Amino acid sequence: MLTLQCPYCGIDAEETELHAGGEAHLTRFGPGSSDDDFEGYLFMRENPRGVHFERWRHANGCGKWFHAARCTNTLEVFGTYSAQTTEPPEEIHKILAKKRPGWTWRDLK
């Protein structure tokens, strides 16, 4: 079972206490954007086999949204962090560089 630590209340929560919210760090496009940009925001999601950044809500706890870096193959969790960050924190980058040499994601290396 997937277990994530809520970065706000510090509780190690099983996936039954959480609510998945999809891919993290999306560029949101709204009114005034091109049709292609808006279509990309609505429908184009990464679905990697391996490291993925996701949004989660501690539904049966503090109720706050947070981000998690994890492997979709093994359920290995590399870390969780505040949902207010625009990209994964440096400590997550370091963990991923050590455990997954050569790994890249979008513009992140």
N, C-alpha and C. Protein backbone atom coordinates (compact mmCIF):
# COMPACT_ATOMS: atom_id res chain seq x y z
N MET A 1 0.85 -1.17 0.00
CA MET A 1 0.00 0.00 0.00
C MET A 1 0.89 1.24 0.00
N LEU A 2 0.48 2.25 -0.74
CA LEU A 2 1.21 3.52 -0.82
C LEU A 2 1.03 4.29 0.47
N THR A 3 2.12 4.76 1.04
CA THR A 3 2.10 5.59 2.23
C THR A 3 2.86 6.87 1.94
N LEU A 4 2.22 8.01 2.18
CA LEU A 4 2.84 9.31 1.97
C LEU A 4 2.81 10.10 3.26
N GLN A 5 3.88 10.86 3.51
CA GLN A 5 3.90 11.71 4.70
C GLN A 5 3.36 13.09 4.33
N CYS A 6 2.35 13.53 5.03
CA CYS A 6 1.79 14.86 4.81
C CYS A 6 2.82 15.89 5.29
N PRO A 7 3.27 16.80 4.42
CA PRO A 7 4.27 17.77 4.84
C PRO A 7 3.73 18.83 5.79
N TYR A 8 2.43 18.91 5.95
CA TYR A 8 1.83 19.91 6.83
C TYR A 8 1.65 19.40 8.25
N CYS A 9 1.04 18.22 8.40
CA CYS A 9 0.78 17.71 9.75
C CYS A 9 1.77 16.63 10.16
N GLY A 10 2.62 16.16 9.21
CA GLY A 10 3.67 15.20 9.54
C GLY A 10 3.22 13.76 9.70
N ILE A 11 1.96 13.48 9.42
CA ILE A 11 1.43 12.12 9.59
C ILE A 11 1.76 11.27 8.37
N ASP A 12 2.19 10.03 8.60
CA ASP A 12 2.36 9.06 7.52
C ASP A 12 0.98 8.48 7.23
N ALA A 13 0.42 8.86 6.08
CA ALA A 13 -0.95 8.48 5.75
C ALA A 13 -0.96 7.42 4.65
N GLU A 14 -1.77 6.40 4.85
CA GLU A 14 -1.97 5.39 3.81
C GLU A 14 -2.85 5.98 2.72
N GLU A 15 -2.78 5.40 1.53
CA GLU A 15 -3.51 5.95 0.40
C GLU A 15 -5.02 6.01 0.62
N THR A 16 -5.56 5.20 1.55
CA THR A 16 -6.99 5.25 1.83
C THR A 16 -7.37 6.53 2.57
N GLU A 17 -6.40 7.22 3.16
CA GLU A 17 -6.64 8.48 3.87
C GLU A 17 -6.42 9.69 2.96
N LEU A 18 -5.99 9.43 1.74
CA LEU A 18 -5.61 10.49 0.81
C LEU A 18 -6.52 10.49 -0.40
N HIS A 19 -6.47 11.59 -1.14
CA HIS A 19 -7.21 11.69 -2.41
C HIS A 19 -6.22 12.15 -3.47
N ALA A 20 -6.09 11.38 -4.54
CA ALA A 20 -5.17 11.73 -5.62
C ALA A 20 -5.75 12.87 -6.46
N GLY A 21 -4.87 13.78 -6.86
CA GLY A 21 -5.32 14.94 -7.62
C GLY A 21 -4.67 15.09 -8.97
N GLY A 22 -3.97 14.07 -9.44
CA GLY A 22 -3.38 14.13 -10.77
C GLY A 22 -1.97 14.68 -10.77
N GLU A 23 -1.52 15.04 -11.96
CA GLU A 23 -0.15 15.49 -12.16
C GLU A 23 0.10 16.85 -11.50
N ALA A 24 1.27 17.00 -10.92
CA ALA A 24 1.66 18.26 -10.28
C ALA A 24 2.43 19.14 -11.27
N HIS A 25 2.54 20.39 -10.93
CA HIS A 25 3.35 21.37 -11.66
C HIS A 25 2.90 21.59 -13.10
N LEU A 26 1.59 21.68 -13.29
CA LEU A 26 1.05 21.97 -14.61
C LEU A 26 1.03 23.48 -14.83
N THR A 27 1.26 23.91 -16.06
CA THR A 27 1.09 25.31 -16.42
C THR A 27 -0.37 25.49 -16.78
N ARG A 28 -1.05 26.32 -16.02
CA ARG A 28 -2.48 26.49 -16.22
C ARG A 28 -2.76 27.61 -17.23
N PHE A 29 -3.65 27.33 -18.17
CA PHE A 29 -4.05 28.30 -19.17
C PHE A 29 -5.54 28.53 -19.03
N GLY A 30 -5.97 29.74 -19.12
CA GLY A 30 -7.38 30.05 -18.97
C GLY A 30 -7.85 31.02 -20.03
N PRO A 31 -8.77 31.93 -19.66
CA PRO A 31 -9.31 32.90 -20.61
C PRO A 31 -8.17 33.69 -21.28
N GLY A 32 -8.32 33.88 -22.58
CA GLY A 32 -7.33 34.63 -23.33
C GLY A 32 -6.20 33.78 -23.89
N SER A 33 -6.15 32.52 -23.52
CA SER A 33 -5.09 31.65 -24.04
C SER A 33 -5.53 31.07 -25.40
N SER A 34 -4.56 30.54 -26.10
CA SER A 34 -4.88 29.93 -27.39
C SER A 34 -5.62 28.61 -27.17
N ASP A 35 -6.34 28.18 -28.17
CA ASP A 35 -7.06 26.91 -28.08
C ASP A 35 -6.09 25.75 -27.85
N ASP A 36 -4.93 25.79 -28.51
CA ASP A 36 -3.94 24.71 -28.35
C ASP A 36 -3.40 24.65 -26.93
N ASP A 37 -3.11 25.83 -26.34
CA ASP A 37 -2.61 25.86 -24.96
C ASP A 37 -3.66 25.33 -23.99
N PHE A 38 -4.91 25.76 -24.19
CA PHE A 38 -5.97 25.33 -23.28
C PHE A 38 -6.24 23.84 -23.43
N GLU A 39 -6.23 23.35 -24.66
CA GLU A 39 -6.41 21.91 -24.90
C GLU A 39 -5.29 21.11 -24.22
N GLY A 40 -4.06 21.58 -24.35
CA GLY A 40 -2.93 20.92 -23.72
C GLY A 40 -3.08 20.86 -22.21
N TYR A 41 -3.53 21.97 -21.62
CA TYR A 41 -3.73 22.01 -20.17
C TYR A 41 -4.83 21.04 -19.73
N LEU A 42 -5.91 20.98 -20.48
CA LEU A 42 -7.03 20.12 -20.09
C LEU A 42 -6.76 18.62 -20.29
N PHE A 43 -6.10 18.28 -21.39
CA PHE A 43 -6.06 16.88 -21.78
C PHE A 43 -4.69 16.21 -21.81
N MET A 44 -3.63 16.96 -21.97
CA MET A 44 -2.31 16.35 -22.14
C MET A 44 -1.62 16.19 -20.79
N ARG A 45 -1.53 14.97 -20.34
CA ARG A 45 -0.88 14.66 -19.07
C ARG A 45 0.21 13.63 -19.29
N GLU A 46 1.26 13.76 -18.50
CA GLU A 46 2.30 12.74 -18.56
C GLU A 46 1.80 11.54 -17.77
N ASN A 47 2.14 10.38 -18.24
CA ASN A 47 1.76 9.15 -17.56
C ASN A 47 2.98 8.23 -17.59
N PRO A 48 4.04 8.63 -16.89
CA PRO A 48 5.30 7.91 -17.02
C PRO A 48 5.31 6.58 -16.28
N ARG A 49 6.16 5.74 -16.76
CA ARG A 49 6.47 4.50 -16.06
C ARG A 49 7.77 4.80 -15.32
N GLY A 50 7.64 5.13 -14.06
CA GLY A 50 8.81 5.54 -13.29
C GLY A 50 8.48 6.75 -12.43
N VAL A 51 9.43 7.69 -12.35
CA VAL A 51 9.28 8.85 -11.47
C VAL A 51 8.17 9.77 -11.98
N HIS A 52 7.32 10.19 -11.05
CA HIS A 52 6.19 11.05 -11.38
C HIS A 52 5.96 12.01 -10.23
N PHE A 53 5.52 13.23 -10.56
CA PHE A 53 5.16 14.23 -9.56
C PHE A 53 3.65 14.37 -9.55
N GLU A 54 3.06 14.20 -8.39
CA GLU A 54 1.60 14.15 -8.27
C GLU A 54 1.09 15.09 -7.18
N ARG A 55 -0.18 15.44 -7.31
CA ARG A 55 -0.88 16.21 -6.27
C ARG A 55 -1.69 15.23 -5.42
N TRP A 56 -1.67 15.44 -4.12
CA TRP A 56 -2.44 14.60 -3.20
C TRP A 56 -3.10 15.51 -2.16
N ARG A 57 -4.25 15.08 -1.66
CA ARG A 57 -4.93 15.80 -0.59
C ARG A 57 -5.06 14.86 0.60
N HIS A 58 -4.69 15.37 1.77
CA HIS A 58 -4.82 14.59 3.01
C HIS A 58 -6.28 14.67 3.45
N ALA A 59 -7.14 13.95 2.74
CA ALA A 59 -8.59 14.05 2.89
C ALA A 59 -9.08 13.69 4.28
N ASN A 60 -8.55 12.62 4.87
CA ASN A 60 -9.00 12.19 6.20
C ASN A 60 -8.02 12.64 7.28
N GLY A 61 -7.47 13.81 7.09
CA GLY A 61 -6.52 14.38 8.04
C GLY A 61 -6.68 15.89 8.05
N CYS A 62 -5.60 16.60 7.76
CA CYS A 62 -5.63 18.07 7.81
C CYS A 62 -6.39 18.69 6.63
N GLY A 63 -6.64 17.91 5.57
CA GLY A 63 -7.40 18.41 4.43
C GLY A 63 -6.61 19.21 3.42
N LYS A 64 -5.31 19.36 3.62
CA LYS A 64 -4.50 20.19 2.72
C LYS A 64 -3.94 19.41 1.54
N TRP A 65 -3.72 20.15 0.45
CA TRP A 65 -3.12 19.58 -0.76
C TRP A 65 -1.61 19.65 -0.64
N PHE A 66 -0.92 18.65 -1.18
CA PHE A 66 0.54 18.64 -1.22
C PHE A 66 1.00 17.90 -2.46
N HIS A 67 2.29 17.97 -2.74
CA HIS A 67 2.87 17.27 -3.88
C HIS A 67 3.72 16.11 -3.39
N ALA A 68 3.81 15.09 -4.23
CA ALA A 68 4.65 13.92 -3.91
C ALA A 68 5.44 13.52 -5.15
N ALA A 69 6.68 13.13 -4.92
CA ALA A 69 7.51 12.55 -5.98
C ALA A 69 7.61 11.07 -5.67
N ARG A 70 7.22 10.23 -6.63
CA ARG A 70 7.24 8.79 -6.38
C ARG A 70 7.45 8.04 -7.68
N CYS A 71 7.75 6.77 -7.57
CA CYS A 71 7.92 5.89 -8.72
C CYS A 71 6.62 5.13 -8.93
N THR A 72 6.08 5.21 -10.13
CA THR A 72 4.82 4.52 -10.41
C THR A 72 5.00 3.02 -10.55
N ASN A 73 6.23 2.56 -10.77
CA ASN A 73 6.49 1.12 -10.87
C ASN A 73 6.57 0.46 -9.51
N THR A 74 7.32 1.08 -8.61
CA THR A 74 7.65 0.43 -7.34
C THR A 74 6.94 1.02 -6.13
N LEU A 75 6.25 2.14 -6.32
CA LEU A 75 5.61 2.91 -5.24
C LEU A 75 6.63 3.52 -4.28
N GLU A 76 7.91 3.53 -4.66
CA GLU A 76 8.94 4.19 -3.84
C GLU A 76 8.65 5.69 -3.81
N VAL A 77 8.64 6.25 -2.61
CA VAL A 77 8.37 7.68 -2.44
C VAL A 77 9.69 8.39 -2.21
N PHE A 78 9.96 9.42 -3.02
CA PHE A 78 11.19 10.19 -2.91
C PHE A 78 11.02 11.40 -2.01
N GLY A 79 9.79 11.79 -1.76
CA GLY A 79 9.53 12.91 -0.86
C GLY A 79 8.20 13.56 -1.14
N THR A 80 7.75 14.33 -0.16
CA THR A 80 6.53 15.13 -0.29
C THR A 80 6.88 16.56 0.07
N TYR A 81 6.10 17.50 -0.46
CA TYR A 81 6.40 18.91 -0.21
C TYR A 81 5.15 19.74 -0.47
N SER A 82 5.21 21.00 -0.08
CA SER A 82 4.08 21.91 -0.16
C SER A 82 3.54 22.05 -1.58
N ALA A 83 2.24 22.17 -1.70
CA ALA A 83 1.60 22.36 -3.00
C ALA A 83 1.82 23.77 -3.54
N GLN A 84 2.32 24.67 -2.72
CA GLN A 84 2.54 26.04 -3.17
C GLN A 84 3.86 26.23 -3.91
N THR A 85 4.66 25.19 -4.04
CA THR A 85 5.92 25.29 -4.76
C THR A 85 5.68 25.10 -6.25
N THR A 86 6.45 25.83 -7.07
CA THR A 86 6.25 25.77 -8.51
C THR A 86 7.06 24.67 -9.18
N GLU A 87 8.03 24.13 -8.46
CA GLU A 87 8.80 22.99 -8.97
C GLU A 87 9.32 22.20 -7.78
N PRO A 88 9.74 20.96 -8.00
CA PRO A 88 10.22 20.14 -6.88
C PRO A 88 11.40 20.80 -6.18
N PRO A 89 11.45 20.71 -4.85
CA PRO A 89 12.55 21.30 -4.09
C PRO A 89 13.90 20.65 -4.41
N GLU A 90 14.97 21.36 -4.09
CA GLU A 90 16.32 20.89 -4.38
C GLU A 90 16.62 19.55 -3.71
N GLU A 91 16.11 19.32 -2.50
CA GLU A 91 16.39 18.03 -1.84
C GLU A 91 15.78 16.85 -2.60
N ILE A 92 14.64 17.06 -3.25
CA ILE A 92 14.04 16.02 -4.09
C ILE A 92 14.92 15.78 -5.31
N HIS A 93 15.42 16.85 -5.92
CA HIS A 93 16.35 16.72 -7.06
C HIS A 93 17.55 15.87 -6.67
N LYS A 94 18.12 16.14 -5.51
CA LYS A 94 19.31 15.41 -5.05
C LYS A 94 19.02 13.93 -4.83
N ILE A 95 17.88 13.63 -4.22
CA ILE A 95 17.49 12.24 -3.99
C ILE A 95 17.32 11.52 -5.32
N LEU A 96 16.64 12.16 -6.27
CA LEU A 96 16.42 11.55 -7.58
C LEU A 96 17.72 11.37 -8.35
N ALA A 97 18.62 12.35 -8.27
CA ALA A 97 19.91 12.24 -8.97
C ALA A 97 20.72 11.07 -8.42
N LYS A 98 20.62 10.84 -7.12
CA LYS A 98 21.35 9.74 -6.49
C LYS A 98 20.73 8.38 -6.81
N LYS A 99 19.41 8.29 -6.74
CA LYS A 99 18.73 7.01 -6.93
C LYS A 99 18.43 6.67 -8.39
N ARG A 100 18.32 7.69 -9.23
CA ARG A 100 18.01 7.49 -10.65
C ARG A 100 18.96 8.31 -11.52
N PRO A 101 20.24 7.92 -11.60
CA PRO A 101 21.21 8.68 -12.41
C PRO A 101 20.73 8.81 -13.86
N GLY A 102 20.87 10.01 -14.41
CA GLY A 102 20.47 10.25 -15.78
C GLY A 102 19.00 10.57 -15.96
N TRP A 103 18.23 10.53 -14.89
CA TRP A 103 16.80 10.79 -14.98
C TRP A 103 16.55 12.27 -15.31
N THR A 104 15.55 12.54 -16.14
CA THR A 104 15.13 13.91 -16.43
C THR A 104 13.61 13.96 -16.47
N TRP A 105 13.08 15.15 -16.30
CA TRP A 105 11.63 15.39 -16.37
C TRP A 105 11.42 16.80 -16.85
N ARG A 106 10.74 16.96 -17.95
CA ARG A 106 10.52 18.27 -18.57
C ARG A 106 11.85 18.99 -18.65
N ASP A 107 11.94 20.19 -18.04
CA ASP A 107 13.19 20.96 -18.08
C ASP A 107 14.09 20.65 -16.89
N LEU A 108 13.66 19.76 -16.01
CA LEU A 108 14.43 19.45 -14.79
C LEU A 108 15.40 18.33 -15.07
N LYS A 109 16.58 18.45 -14.51
CA LYS A 109 17.59 17.40 -14.66
C LYS A 109 18.11 17.01 -13.31
